[in-house]
Amino acid sequence: MSPLLLSVLLALVSAVAYAAAAIVQERVAAAAGPRYAPLRSPVWWGSVLLNGVGAALHVAALAYGPLSVVQPLGALTIVFALPMAALFVGRRVGRRAWRGALMATVGLAGLLSLTSGAEARSLGDGDRWLLTVCTFGVVGFLFTAAHLVGRSVLRSVVLAAAAGVSFGIASVFTKAVAEVWSPGAPLAEWTGLLVLSALAVTGLLLSQASYRGAGLAAPLATVTVVNPVVAAAVGLTLFGEGFRYGAAGTVAALICGAVAAGGLVQLTLDRMTVPAGSSTGSEGDAAGPEIGQGVDVGPVPGTRPHLEVEVRSRAVAGRS
């Protein structure tokens, strides 16, 4: 087997592992329990293990193949997740969700394929500290904004974006630490490893919370797109990377970014436009009242031969 073929196979299996982890995380989020860290759930720890397997396979794929091939294949996570969810947990997927997933995947794959790491420079100590402060500032801002958003789907997408930022910058620190790490001094880069670990854990907890009340597709697509886009943006600004084919490549990258963003919008709208009177959304989630809501029960106008009631959701003030 050629190294390139092996790299492609490892990247595909990595995407499947990430997709399986996302499905498990969404199932855990759908059950009652802690929003951010369901540490007592063995199933959740299984998703952590799957994420670790996906990361290890991705690194192994990069060892055998070029970045321009491996990174775009990672965008297939959302495409694998939808049919896997339909097959294993009976989650239905609507046309809009499929359209959004394909748009996000194609746009992201095109964007990553245009990114070039030629003539990249190393990340200095000053750049690392600045990047760390800015990253946690952005993540903190998105975390706060998520709790100010009224709609559960928008809140989940914002949390997923925060998770994507954390994972993306964690990838940047992985690259920075790997460039200077040596077996003779394994702890010489302990500060970079500490920041990397903190970002990875933060991303994991935020991504877990993002699945609460939003289903699978929208949060997963957001993390899948934001993660490499943030990493690529840092590579362009701090590592001296660029796009292939000069100005034409830059224009093509902007178009791909717009396509990916359009896919995220489609997925978000798919979750927000549940038909009135429908008991399930496009992904099979129940469309009942959210946590923090009560239920009004009143008589139905008119004469009926038997008792009927009308149920409608009503926000309960002062309750959580």
C-alpha atoms as a PDB file:
ATOM      1  CA  MET A   1       0.000   0.000   0.000  1.00  0.00           C
ATOM      2  CA  SER A   2       1.394   3.387  -0.963  1.00  0.00           C
ATOM      3  CA  PRO A   3       1.900   6.044   1.763  1.00  0.00           C
ATOM      4  CA  LEU A   4      -0.636   8.337   0.076  1.00  0.00           C
ATOM      5  CA  LEU A   5      -3.341   5.657   0.027  1.00  0.00           C
ATOM      6  CA  LEU A   6      -2.614   4.788   3.650  1.00  0.00           C
ATOM      7  CA  SER A   7      -2.894   8.460   4.558  1.00  0.00           C
ATOM      8  CA  VAL A   8      -6.289   8.732   2.838  1.00  0.00           C
ATOM      9  CA  LEU A   9      -7.591   5.622   4.611  1.00  0.00           C
ATOM     10  CA  LEU A  10      -6.405   6.889   8.008  1.00  0.00           C
ATOM     11  CA  ALA A  11      -8.023  10.285   7.367  1.00  0.00           C
ATOM     12  CA  LEU A  12     -11.333   8.661   6.399  1.00  0.00           C
ATOM     13  CA  VAL A  13     -11.365   6.426   9.480  1.00  0.00           C
ATOM     14  CA  SER A  14     -10.495   9.469  11.585  1.00  0.00           C
ATOM     15  CA  ALA A  15     -13.534  11.307  10.179  1.00  0.00           C
ATOM     16  CA  VAL A  16     -15.732   8.296  10.984  1.00  0.00           C
ATOM     17  CA  ALA A  17     -14.407   8.234  14.574  1.00  0.00           C
ATOM     18  CA  TYR A  18     -15.129  11.948  14.986  1.00  0.00           C
ATOM     19  CA  ALA A  19     -18.625  11.445  13.552  1.00  0.00           C
ATOM     20  CA  ALA A  20     -19.339   8.569  15.941  1.00  0.00           C
ATOM     21  CA  ALA A  21     -18.102  10.660  18.868  1.00  0.00           C
ATOM     22  CA  ALA A  22     -20.435  13.501  17.874  1.00  0.00           C
ATOM     23  CA  ILE A  23     -23.421  11.142  17.689  1.00  0.00           C
ATOM     24  CA  VAL A  24     -22.661   9.811  21.171  1.00  0.00           C
ATOM     25  CA  GLN A  25     -22.218  13.338  22.551  1.00  0.00           C
ATOM     26  CA  GLU A  26     -25.565  14.398  21.100  1.00  0.00           C
ATOM     27  CA  ARG A  27     -27.281  11.378  22.628  1.00  0.00           C
ATOM     28  CA  VAL A  28     -25.786  12.191  26.027  1.00  0.00           C
ATOM     29  CA  ALA A  29     -26.872  15.822  25.673  1.00  0.00           C
ATOM     30  CA  ALA A  30     -30.431  14.739  24.854  1.00  0.00           C
ATOM     31  CA  ALA A  31     -30.662  12.903  28.168  1.00  0.00           C
ATOM     32  CA  ALA A  32     -31.079  14.652  31.502  1.00  0.00           C
ATOM     33  CA  GLY A  33     -27.794  15.536  33.169  1.00  0.00           C
ATOM     34  CA  PRO A  34     -25.031  18.143  33.323  1.00  0.00           C
ATOM     35  CA  ARG A  35     -24.829  20.346  30.243  1.00  0.00           C
ATOM     36  CA  TYR A  36     -21.040  20.723  30.097  1.00  0.00           C
ATOM     37  CA  ALA A  37     -19.344  17.807  31.839  1.00  0.00           C
ATOM     38  CA  PRO A  38     -21.416  14.621  32.329  1.00  0.00           C
ATOM     39  CA  LEU A  39     -18.485  12.972  34.078  1.00  0.00           C
ATOM     40  CA  ARG A  40     -20.623  10.230  35.597  1.00  0.00           C
ATOM     41  CA  SER A  41     -21.795   8.990  32.215  1.00  0.00           C
ATOM     42  CA  PRO A  42     -19.765   6.038  30.885  1.00  0.00           C
ATOM     43  CA  VAL A  43     -21.251   6.688  27.453  1.00  0.00           C
ATOM     44  CA  TRP A  44     -19.806  10.208  27.454  1.00  0.00           C
ATOM     45  CA  TRP A  45     -16.361   8.850  28.291  1.00  0.00           C
ATOM     46  CA  GLY A  46     -16.791   6.608  25.276  1.00  0.00           C
ATOM     47  CA  SER A  47     -17.221   9.729  23.136  1.00  0.00           C
ATOM     48  CA  VAL A  48     -14.042  11.160  24.665  1.00  0.00           C
ATOM     49  CA  LEU A  49     -12.228   7.970  23.700  1.00  0.00           C
ATOM     50  CA  LEU A  50     -13.593   8.168  20.142  1.00  0.00           C
ATOM     51  CA  ASN A  51     -12.418  11.784  19.864  1.00  0.00           C
ATOM     52  CA  GLY A  52      -8.969  10.683  21.013  1.00  0.00           C
ATOM     53  CA  VAL A  53      -8.901   7.902  18.426  1.00  0.00           C
ATOM     54  CA  GLY A  54      -9.940  10.354  15.725  1.00  0.00           C
ATOM     55  CA  ALA A  55      -7.186  12.791  16.709  1.00  0.00           C
ATOM     56  CA  ALA A  56      -4.546  10.043  16.781  1.00  0.00           C
ATOM     57  CA  LEU A  57      -5.580   8.764  13.348  1.00  0.00           C
ATOM     58  CA  HIS A  58      -5.544  12.304  11.965  1.00  0.00           C
ATOM     59  CA  VAL A  59      -1.985  12.829  13.196  1.00  0.00           C
ATOM     60  CA  ALA A  60      -0.971   9.464  11.724  1.00  0.00           C
ATOM     61  CA  ALA A  61      -2.543  10.437   8.394  1.00  0.00           C
ATOM     62  CA  LEU A  62      -0.498  13.647   8.374  1.00  0.00           C
ATOM     63  CA  ALA A  63       2.636  11.573   8.958  1.00  0.00           C
ATOM     64  CA  TYR A  64       2.041   9.591   5.749  1.00  0.00           C
ATOM     65  CA  GLY A  65       0.376  12.145   3.490  1.00  0.00           C
ATOM     66  CA  PRO A  66       0.414  15.855   2.651  1.00  0.00           C
ATOM     67  CA  LEU A  67      -1.628  18.405   4.562  1.00  0.00           C
ATOM     68  CA  SER A  68      -3.433  19.419   1.355  1.00  0.00           C
ATOM     69  CA  VAL A  69      -4.973  15.927   1.137  1.00  0.00           C
ATOM     70  CA  VAL A  70      -5.571  15.078   4.796  1.00  0.00           C
ATOM     71  CA  GLN A  71      -7.195  18.314   5.957  1.00  0.00           C
ATOM     72  CA  PRO A  72      -9.982  18.420   3.340  1.00  0.00           C
ATOM     73  CA  LEU A  73     -10.855  14.786   4.094  1.00  0.00           C
ATOM     74  CA  GLY A  74     -11.441  15.771   7.713  1.00  0.00           C
ATOM     75  CA  ALA A  75     -14.348  17.910   6.497  1.00  0.00           C
ATOM     76  CA  LEU A  76     -16.233  14.692   5.684  1.00  0.00           C
ATOM     77  CA  THR A  77     -17.075  14.261   9.375  1.00  0.00           C
ATOM     78  CA  ILE A  78     -20.483  15.907   9.011  1.00  0.00           C
ATOM     79  CA  VAL A  79     -21.262  13.919   5.838  1.00  0.00           C
ATOM     80  CA  PHE A  80     -20.483  10.647   7.647  1.00  0.00           C
ATOM     81  CA  ALA A  81     -22.374  11.679  10.787  1.00  0.00           C
ATOM     82  CA  LEU A  82     -25.783  12.171   9.167  1.00  0.00           C
ATOM     83  CA  PRO A  83     -26.220   8.689   7.624  1.00  0.00           C
ATOM     84  CA  MET A  84     -24.580   7.088  10.660  1.00  0.00           C
ATOM     85  CA  ALA A  85     -27.095   8.817  12.935  1.00  0.00           C
ATOM     86  CA  ALA A  86     -29.947   7.681  10.683  1.00  0.00           C
ATOM     87  CA  LEU A  87     -28.644   4.111  10.700  1.00  0.00           C
ATOM     88  CA  PHE A  88     -27.736   3.644  14.357  1.00  0.00           C
ATOM     89  CA  VAL A  89     -30.075   5.940  16.297  1.00  0.00           C
ATOM     90  CA  GLY A  90     -32.930   6.414  13.822  1.00  0.00           C
ATOM     91  CA  ARG A  91     -32.397  10.157  13.401  1.00  0.00           C
ATOM     92  CA  ARG A  92     -34.081  11.429  10.257  1.00  0.00           C
ATOM     93  CA  VAL A  93     -32.421  14.090   8.123  1.00  0.00           C
ATOM     94  CA  GLY A  94     -34.327  16.558   5.969  1.00  0.00           C
ATOM     95  CA  ARG A  95     -33.350  17.888   2.560  1.00  0.00           C
ATOM     96  CA  ARG A  96     -32.279  21.253   3.934  1.00  0.00           C
ATOM     97  CA  ALA A  97     -29.979  19.588   6.464  1.00  0.00           C
ATOM     98  CA  TRP A  98     -28.384  17.484   3.725  1.00  0.00           C
ATOM     99  CA  ARG A  99     -27.991  20.521   1.506  1.00  0.00           C
ATOM    100  CA  GLY A 100     -26.404  22.495   4.309  1.00  0.00           C
ATOM    101  CA  ALA A 101     -24.064  19.648   5.256  1.00  0.00           C
ATOM    102  CA  LEU A 102     -22.881  19.207   1.666  1.00  0.00           C
ATOM    103  CA  MET A 103     -22.395  22.955   1.203  1.00  0.00           C
ATOM    104  CA  ALA A 104     -20.371  23.198   4.418  1.00  0.00           C
ATOM    105  CA  THR A 105     -18.251  20.184   3.491  1.00  0.00           C
ATOM    106  CA  VAL A 106     -17.563  21.254  -0.102  1.00  0.00           C
ATOM    107  CA  GLY A 107     -16.781  24.827   0.912  1.00  0.00           C
ATOM    108  CA  LEU A 108     -14.474  23.762   3.716  1.00  0.00           C
ATOM    109  CA  ALA A 109     -12.702  21.136   1.618  1.00  0.00           C
ATOM    110  CA  GLY A 110     -12.109  23.687  -1.138  1.00  0.00           C
ATOM    111  CA  LEU A 111     -10.817  26.265   1.331  1.00  0.00           C
ATOM    112  CA  LEU A 112      -8.407  23.831   2.953  1.00  0.00           C
ATOM    113  CA  SER A 113      -7.160  22.525  -0.391  1.00  0.00           C
ATOM    114  CA  LEU A 114      -6.190  26.090  -1.367  1.00  0.00           C
ATOM    115  CA  THR A 115      -4.224  26.750   1.818  1.00  0.00           C
ATOM    116  CA  SER A 116      -0.473  26.392   1.439  1.00  0.00           C
ATOM    117  CA  GLY A 117       2.053  25.977   4.244  1.00  0.00           C
ATOM    118  CA  ALA A 118       5.025  26.962   2.149  1.00  0.00           C
ATOM    119  CA  GLU A 119       7.631  29.176   3.784  1.00  0.00           C
ATOM    120  CA  ALA A 120       5.910  28.999   7.148  1.00  0.00           C
ATOM    121  CA  ARG A 121       7.746  30.488  10.116  1.00  0.00           C
ATOM    122  CA  SER A 122       7.745  29.379  13.752  1.00  0.00           C
ATOM    123  CA  LEU A 123       5.565  30.924  16.440  1.00  0.00           C
ATOM    124  CA  GLY A 124       7.549  33.034  18.944  1.00  0.00           C
ATOM    125  CA  ASP A 125       6.888  33.339  22.687  1.00  0.00           C
ATOM    126  CA  GLY A 126       5.303  36.767  22.315  1.00  0.00           C
ATOM    127  CA  ASP A 127       2.974  35.515  19.612  1.00  0.00           C
ATOM    128  CA  ARG A 128       2.007  32.538  21.747  1.00  0.00           C
ATOM    129  CA  TRP A 129       1.012  34.634  24.754  1.00  0.00           C
ATOM    130  CA  LEU A 130      -0.888  37.116  22.586  1.00  0.00           C
ATOM    131  CA  LEU A 131      -2.683  34.275  20.833  1.00  0.00           C
ATOM    132  CA  THR A 132      -3.550  32.639  24.178  1.00  0.00           C
ATOM    133  CA  VAL A 133      -5.031  35.804  25.659  1.00  0.00           C
ATOM    134  CA  CYS A 134      -6.979  36.625  22.490  1.00  0.00           C
ATOM    135  CA  THR A 135      -8.307  33.063  22.204  1.00  0.00           C
ATOM    136  CA  PHE A 136      -9.635  32.848  25.735  1.00  0.00           C
ATOM    137  CA  GLY A 137     -11.060  36.345  25.321  1.00  0.00           C
ATOM    138  CA  VAL A 138     -12.953  35.317  22.185  1.00  0.00           C
ATOM    139  CA  VAL A 139     -14.108  32.041  23.747  1.00  0.00           C
ATOM    140  CA  GLY A 140     -15.273  33.905  26.866  1.00  0.00           C
ATOM    141  CA  PHE A 141     -17.152  36.422  24.730  1.00  0.00           C
ATOM    142  CA  LEU A 142     -18.899  33.681  22.734  1.00  0.00           C
ATOM    143  CA  PHE A 143     -19.707  31.773  25.930  1.00  0.00           C
ATOM    144  CA  THR A 144     -21.331  34.885  27.411  1.00  0.00           C
ATOM    145  CA  ALA A 145     -23.175  35.667  24.178  1.00  0.00           C
ATOM    146  CA  ALA A 146     -24.527  32.117  24.044  1.00  0.00           C
ATOM    147  CA  HIS A 147     -26.238  32.590  27.389  1.00  0.00           C
ATOM    148  CA  LEU A 148     -27.838  35.831  26.238  1.00  0.00           C
ATOM    149  CA  VAL A 149     -29.412  34.221  23.166  1.00  0.00           C
ATOM    150  CA  GLY A 150     -33.031  33.244  23.618  1.00  0.00           C
ATOM    151  CA  ARG A 151     -33.330  30.546  20.946  1.00  0.00           C
ATOM    152  CA  SER A 152     -31.805  27.215  21.923  1.00  0.00           C
ATOM    153  CA  VAL A 153     -30.562  26.499  18.389  1.00  0.00           C
ATOM    154  CA  LEU A 154     -28.706  29.819  18.129  1.00  0.00           C
ATOM    155  CA  ARG A 155     -27.275  29.299  21.607  1.00  0.00           C
ATOM    156  CA  SER A 156     -25.968  25.894  20.582  1.00  0.00           C
ATOM    157  CA  VAL A 157     -24.423  27.236  17.373  1.00  0.00           C
ATOM    158  CA  VAL A 158     -22.622  29.997  19.306  1.00  0.00           C
ATOM    159  CA  LEU A 159     -21.317  27.439  21.814  1.00  0.00           C
ATOM    160  CA  ALA A 160     -20.190  25.243  18.916  1.00  0.00           C
ATOM    161  CA  ALA A 161     -18.382  28.221  17.397  1.00  0.00           C
ATOM    162  CA  ALA A 162     -16.584  28.757  20.709  1.00  0.00           C
ATOM    163  CA  ALA A 163     -15.637  25.075  20.714  1.00  0.00           C
ATOM    164  CA  GLY A 164     -14.358  25.388  17.142  1.00  0.00           C
ATOM    165  CA  VAL A 165     -12.178  28.353  18.127  1.00  0.00           C
ATOM    166  CA  SER A 166     -10.728  26.356  21.033  1.00  0.00           C
ATOM    167  CA  PHE A 167      -9.998  23.324  18.859  1.00  0.00           C
ATOM    168  CA  GLY A 168      -8.575  25.459  16.055  1.00  0.00           C
ATOM    169  CA  ILE A 169      -6.092  27.282  18.294  1.00  0.00           C
ATOM    170  CA  ALA A 170      -5.253  23.968  19.987  1.00  0.00           C
ATOM    171  CA  SER A 171      -4.209  22.730  16.530  1.00  0.00           C
ATOM    172  CA  VAL A 172      -2.026  25.817  16.132  1.00  0.00           C
ATOM    173  CA  PHE A 173      -0.282  25.102  19.439  1.00  0.00           C
ATOM    174  CA  THR A 174       0.093  21.446  18.446  1.00  0.00           C
ATOM    175  CA  LYS A 175       1.952  22.561  15.338  1.00  0.00           C
ATOM    176  CA  ALA A 176       4.058  25.072  17.288  1.00  0.00           C
ATOM    177  CA  VAL A 177       5.033  22.554  19.990  1.00  0.00           C
ATOM    178  CA  ALA A 178       5.742  19.757  17.476  1.00  0.00           C
ATOM    179  CA  GLU A 179       8.174  21.981  15.563  1.00  0.00           C
ATOM    180  CA  VAL A 180      10.463  22.547  18.558  1.00  0.00           C
ATOM    181  CA  TRP A 181       9.837  19.444  20.699  1.00  0.00           C
ATOM    182  CA  SER A 182      12.706  16.994  21.150  1.00  0.00           C
ATOM    183  CA  PRO A 183      12.934  13.649  23.002  1.00  0.00           C
ATOM    184  CA  GLY A 184      15.945  14.935  24.939  1.00  0.00           C
ATOM    185  CA  ALA A 185      13.874  17.673  26.606  1.00  0.00           C
ATOM    186  CA  PRO A 186      10.257  16.499  26.578  1.00  0.00           C
ATOM    187  CA  LEU A 187       9.078  19.108  29.118  1.00  0.00           C
ATOM    188  CA  ALA A 188      10.866  22.085  27.592  1.00  0.00           C
ATOM    189  CA  GLU A 189       7.582  23.124  25.971  1.00  0.00           C
ATOM    190  CA  TRP A 190       5.477  22.652  29.086  1.00  0.00           C
ATOM    191  CA  THR A 191       3.745  26.020  28.768  1.00  0.00           C
ATOM    192  CA  GLY A 192       2.648  25.256  25.219  1.00  0.00           C
ATOM    193  CA  LEU A 193       1.447  21.797  26.283  1.00  0.00           C
ATOM    194  CA  LEU A 194      -0.488  23.339  29.176  1.00  0.00           C
ATOM    195  CA  VAL A 195      -2.248  25.840  26.915  1.00  0.00           C
ATOM    196  CA  LEU A 196      -2.909  23.114  24.350  1.00  0.00           C
ATOM    197  CA  SER A 197      -4.473  20.854  26.990  1.00  0.00           C
ATOM    198  CA  ALA A 198      -6.606  23.676  28.411  1.00  0.00           C
ATOM    199  CA  LEU A 199      -7.910  24.563  24.947  1.00  0.00           C
ATOM    200  CA  ALA A 200      -8.650  20.933  24.083  1.00  0.00           C
ATOM    201  CA  VAL A 201     -10.620  20.376  27.306  1.00  0.00           C
ATOM    202  CA  THR A 202     -12.472  23.675  26.871  1.00  0.00           C
ATOM    203  CA  GLY A 203     -13.406  22.743  23.311  1.00  0.00           C
ATOM    204  CA  LEU A 204     -14.620  19.310  24.393  1.00  0.00           C
ATOM    205  CA  LEU A 205     -16.871  20.698  27.139  1.00  0.00           C
ATOM    206  CA  LEU A 206     -18.270  23.469  24.936  1.00  0.00           C
ATOM    207  CA  SER A 207     -18.976  21.049  22.090  1.00  0.00           C
ATOM    208  CA  GLN A 208     -20.796  18.755  24.518  1.00  0.00           C
ATOM    209  CA  ALA A 209     -22.986  21.649  25.670  1.00  0.00           C
ATOM    210  CA  SER A 210     -23.684  22.728  22.091  1.00  0.00           C
ATOM    211  CA  TYR A 211     -25.678  19.563  21.359  1.00  0.00           C
ATOM    212  CA  ARG A 212     -28.277  20.355  24.041  1.00  0.00           C
ATOM    213  CA  GLY A 213     -31.472  21.399  22.279  1.00  0.00           C
ATOM    214  CA  ALA A 214     -30.046  21.677  18.755  1.00  0.00           C
ATOM    215  CA  GLY A 215     -29.752  18.128  17.479  1.00  0.00           C
ATOM    216  CA  LEU A 216     -26.649  16.848  15.714  1.00  0.00           C
ATOM    217  CA  ALA A 217     -26.086  18.538  12.350  1.00  0.00           C
ATOM    218  CA  ALA A 218     -25.893  22.265  13.137  1.00  0.00           C
ATOM    219  CA  PRO A 219     -23.437  22.105  16.096  1.00  0.00           C
ATOM    220  CA  LEU A 220     -21.263  19.459  14.443  1.00  0.00           C
ATOM    221  CA  ALA A 221     -21.062  21.394  11.178  1.00  0.00           C
ATOM    222  CA  THR A 222     -20.205  24.582  13.057  1.00  0.00           C
ATOM    223  CA  VAL A 223     -17.341  22.935  14.943  1.00  0.00           C
ATOM    224  CA  THR A 224     -16.145  21.160  11.788  1.00  0.00           C
ATOM    225  CA  VAL A 225     -16.003  24.425   9.820  1.00  0.00           C
ATOM    226  CA  VAL A 226     -14.845  26.897  12.491  1.00  0.00           C
ATOM    227  CA  ASN A 227     -12.002  24.668  13.737  1.00  0.00           C
ATOM    228  CA  PRO A 228      -9.885  24.526  10.540  1.00  0.00           C
ATOM    229  CA  VAL A 229     -10.914  28.012   9.405  1.00  0.00           C
ATOM    230  CA  VAL A 230      -9.579  29.533  12.633  1.00  0.00           C
ATOM    231  CA  ALA A 231      -6.409  27.450  12.384  1.00  0.00           C
ATOM    232  CA  ALA A 232      -5.951  28.502   8.749  1.00  0.00           C
ATOM    233  CA  ALA A 233      -6.521  32.178   9.636  1.00  0.00           C
ATOM    234  CA  VAL A 234      -3.800  32.007  12.289  1.00  0.00           C
ATOM    235  CA  GLY A 235      -1.524  30.213   9.836  1.00  0.00           C
ATOM    236  CA  LEU A 236      -2.035  33.004   7.305  1.00  0.00           C
ATOM    237  CA  THR A 237      -1.371  35.792   9.803  1.00  0.00           C
ATOM    238  CA  LEU A 238       1.237  34.376  12.188  1.00  0.00           C
ATOM    239  CA  PHE A 239       2.922  31.482  10.356  1.00  0.00           C
ATOM    240  CA  GLY A 240       3.354  33.293   7.051  1.00  0.00           C
ATOM    241  CA  GLU A 241       1.251  30.782   5.131  1.00  0.00           C
ATOM    242  CA  GLY A 242      -0.824  31.734   2.088  1.00  0.00           C
ATOM    243  CA  PHE A 243      -3.189  30.532  -0.603  1.00  0.00           C
ATOM    244  CA  ARG A 244      -2.145  28.669  -3.701  1.00  0.00           C
ATOM    245  CA  TYR A 245      -2.378  30.298  -7.131  1.00  0.00           C
ATOM    246  CA  GLY A 246      -1.939  33.864  -5.901  1.00  0.00           C
ATOM    247  CA  ALA A 247      -4.841  36.301  -6.328  1.00  0.00           C
ATOM    248  CA  ALA A 248      -6.986  33.705  -8.104  1.00  0.00           C
ATOM    249  CA  GLY A 249      -6.507  31.311  -5.199  1.00  0.00           C
ATOM    250  CA  THR A 250      -7.483  34.031  -2.724  1.00  0.00           C
ATOM    251  CA  VAL A 251     -10.709  34.757  -4.619  1.00  0.00           C
ATOM    252  CA  ALA A 252     -11.489  31.038  -4.833  1.00  0.00           C
ATOM    253  CA  ALA A 253     -10.857  30.692  -1.079  1.00  0.00           C
ATOM    254  CA  LEU A 254     -13.301  33.524  -0.354  1.00  0.00           C
ATOM    255  CA  ILE A 255     -15.925  31.815  -2.508  1.00  0.00           C
ATOM    256  CA  CYS A 256     -15.363  28.508  -0.716  1.00  0.00           C
ATOM    257  CA  GLY A 257     -15.665  30.268   2.635  1.00  0.00           C
ATOM    258  CA  ALA A 258     -18.974  31.803   1.544  1.00  0.00           C
ATOM    259  CA  VAL A 259     -20.276  28.385   0.468  1.00  0.00           C
ATOM    260  CA  ALA A 260     -19.299  26.866   3.826  1.00  0.00           C
ATOM    261  CA  ALA A 261     -20.956  29.742   5.696  1.00  0.00           C
ATOM    262  CA  GLY A 262     -24.100  29.278   3.598  1.00  0.00           C
ATOM    263  CA  GLY A 263     -24.164  25.634   4.586  1.00  0.00           C
ATOM    264  CA  LEU A 264     -24.032  26.557   8.277  1.00  0.00           C
ATOM    265  CA  VAL A 265     -26.919  28.976   7.777  1.00  0.00           C
ATOM    266  CA  GLN A 266     -28.951  26.247   6.075  1.00  0.00           C
ATOM    267  CA  LEU A 267     -28.321  23.845   8.954  1.00  0.00           C
ATOM    268  CA  THR A 268     -29.221  26.456  11.551  1.00  0.00           C
ATOM    269  CA  LEU A 269     -32.444  27.409   9.761  1.00  0.00           C
ATOM    270  CA  ASP A 270     -33.292  23.720   9.400  1.00  0.00           C
ATOM    271  CA  ARG A 271     -33.424  23.424  13.180  1.00  0.00           C
ATOM    272  CA  MET A 272     -35.226  26.735  13.723  1.00  0.00           C
ATOM    273  CA  THR A 273     -38.054  26.219  11.219  1.00  0.00           C
ATOM    274  CA  VAL A 274     -39.873  23.233  12.686  1.00  0.00           C
ATOM    275  CA  PRO A 275     -43.370  23.141  11.150  1.00  0.00           C
ATOM    276  CA  ALA A 276     -46.133  24.136  13.553  1.00  0.00           C
ATOM    277  CA  GLY A 277     -48.022  21.135  14.826  1.00  0.00           C
ATOM    278  CA  SER A 278     -45.235  18.772  13.888  1.00  0.00           C
ATOM    279  CA  SER A 279     -44.063  16.542  16.702  1.00  0.00           C
ATOM    280  CA  THR A 280     -40.630  16.019  15.222  1.00  0.00           C
ATOM    281  CA  GLY A 281     -38.101  18.179  13.506  1.00  0.00           C
ATOM    282  CA  SER A 282     -36.059  17.298  10.457  1.00  0.00           C
ATOM    283  CA  GLU A 283     -33.771  15.249  12.668  1.00  0.00           C
ATOM    284  CA  GLY A 284     -36.426  13.529  14.722  1.00  0.00           C
ATOM    285  CA  ASP A 285     -36.133  15.659  17.889  1.00  0.00           C
ATOM    286  CA  ALA A 286     -39.243  16.312  19.865  1.00  0.00           C
ATOM    287  CA  ALA A 287     -40.469  19.861  19.564  1.00  0.00           C
ATOM    288  CA  GLY A 288     -41.747  20.191  23.116  1.00  0.00           C
ATOM    289  CA  PRO A 289     -41.240  23.080  25.552  1.00  0.00           C
ATOM    290  CA  GLU A 290     -37.660  23.744  26.667  1.00  0.00           C
ATOM    291  CA  ILE A 291     -36.285  23.694  30.183  1.00  0.00           C
ATOM    292  CA  GLY A 292     -37.397  26.874  31.903  1.00  0.00           C
ATOM    293  CA  GLN A 293     -40.890  26.771  30.370  1.00  0.00           C
ATOM    294  CA  GLY A 294     -44.216  25.829  31.877  1.00  0.00           C
ATOM    295  CA  VAL A 295     -47.404  24.539  30.308  1.00  0.00           C
ATOM    296  CA  ASP A 296     -50.775  26.305  30.197  1.00  0.00           C
ATOM    297  CA  VAL A 297     -53.809  24.071  30.122  1.00  0.00           C
ATOM    298  CA  GLY A 298     -57.194  25.554  29.241  1.00  0.00           C
ATOM    299  CA  PRO A 299     -60.568  24.511  27.820  1.00  0.00           C
ATOM    300  CA  VAL A 300     -61.072  24.381  24.088  1.00  0.00           C
ATOM    301  CA  PRO A 301     -63.795  26.830  22.954  1.00  0.00           C
ATOM    302  CA  GLY A 302     -67.093  25.293  21.844  1.00  0.00           C
ATOM    303  CA  THR A 303     -69.212  22.350  22.939  1.00  0.00           C
ATOM    304  CA  ARG A 304     -67.701  18.886  22.771  1.00  0.00           C
ATOM    305  CA  PRO A 305     -69.194  15.531  23.718  1.00  0.00           C
ATOM    306  CA  HIS A 306     -66.066  14.767  25.677  1.00  0.00           C
ATOM    307  CA  LEU A 307     -63.462  16.764  27.538  1.00  0.00           C
ATOM    308  CA  GLU A 308     -60.616  18.234  25.504  1.00  0.00           C
ATOM    309  CA  VAL A 309     -57.738  20.470  26.545  1.00  0.00           C
ATOM    310  CA  GLU A 310     -55.392  22.749  24.661  1.00  0.00           C
ATOM    311  CA  VAL A 311     -51.708  22.656  25.620  1.00  0.00           C
ATOM    312  CA  ARG A 312     -49.380  25.528  24.794  1.00  0.00           C
ATOM    313  CA  SER A 313     -45.903  26.382  26.096  1.00  0.00           C
ATOM    314  CA  ARG A 314     -45.611  29.413  28.382  1.00  0.00           C
ATOM    315  CA  ALA A 315     -42.395  30.907  29.755  1.00  0.00           C
ATOM    316  CA  VAL A 316     -42.368  30.841  33.563  1.00  0.00           C
ATOM    317  CA  ALA A 317     -40.691  33.919  34.986  1.00  0.00           C
ATOM    318  CA  GLY A 318     -38.268  33.528  37.826  1.00  0.00           C
ATOM    319  CA  ARG A 319     -37.674  29.813  37.291  1.00  0.00           C
ATOM    320  CA  SER A 320     -34.675  27.961  35.872  1.00  0.00           C
END
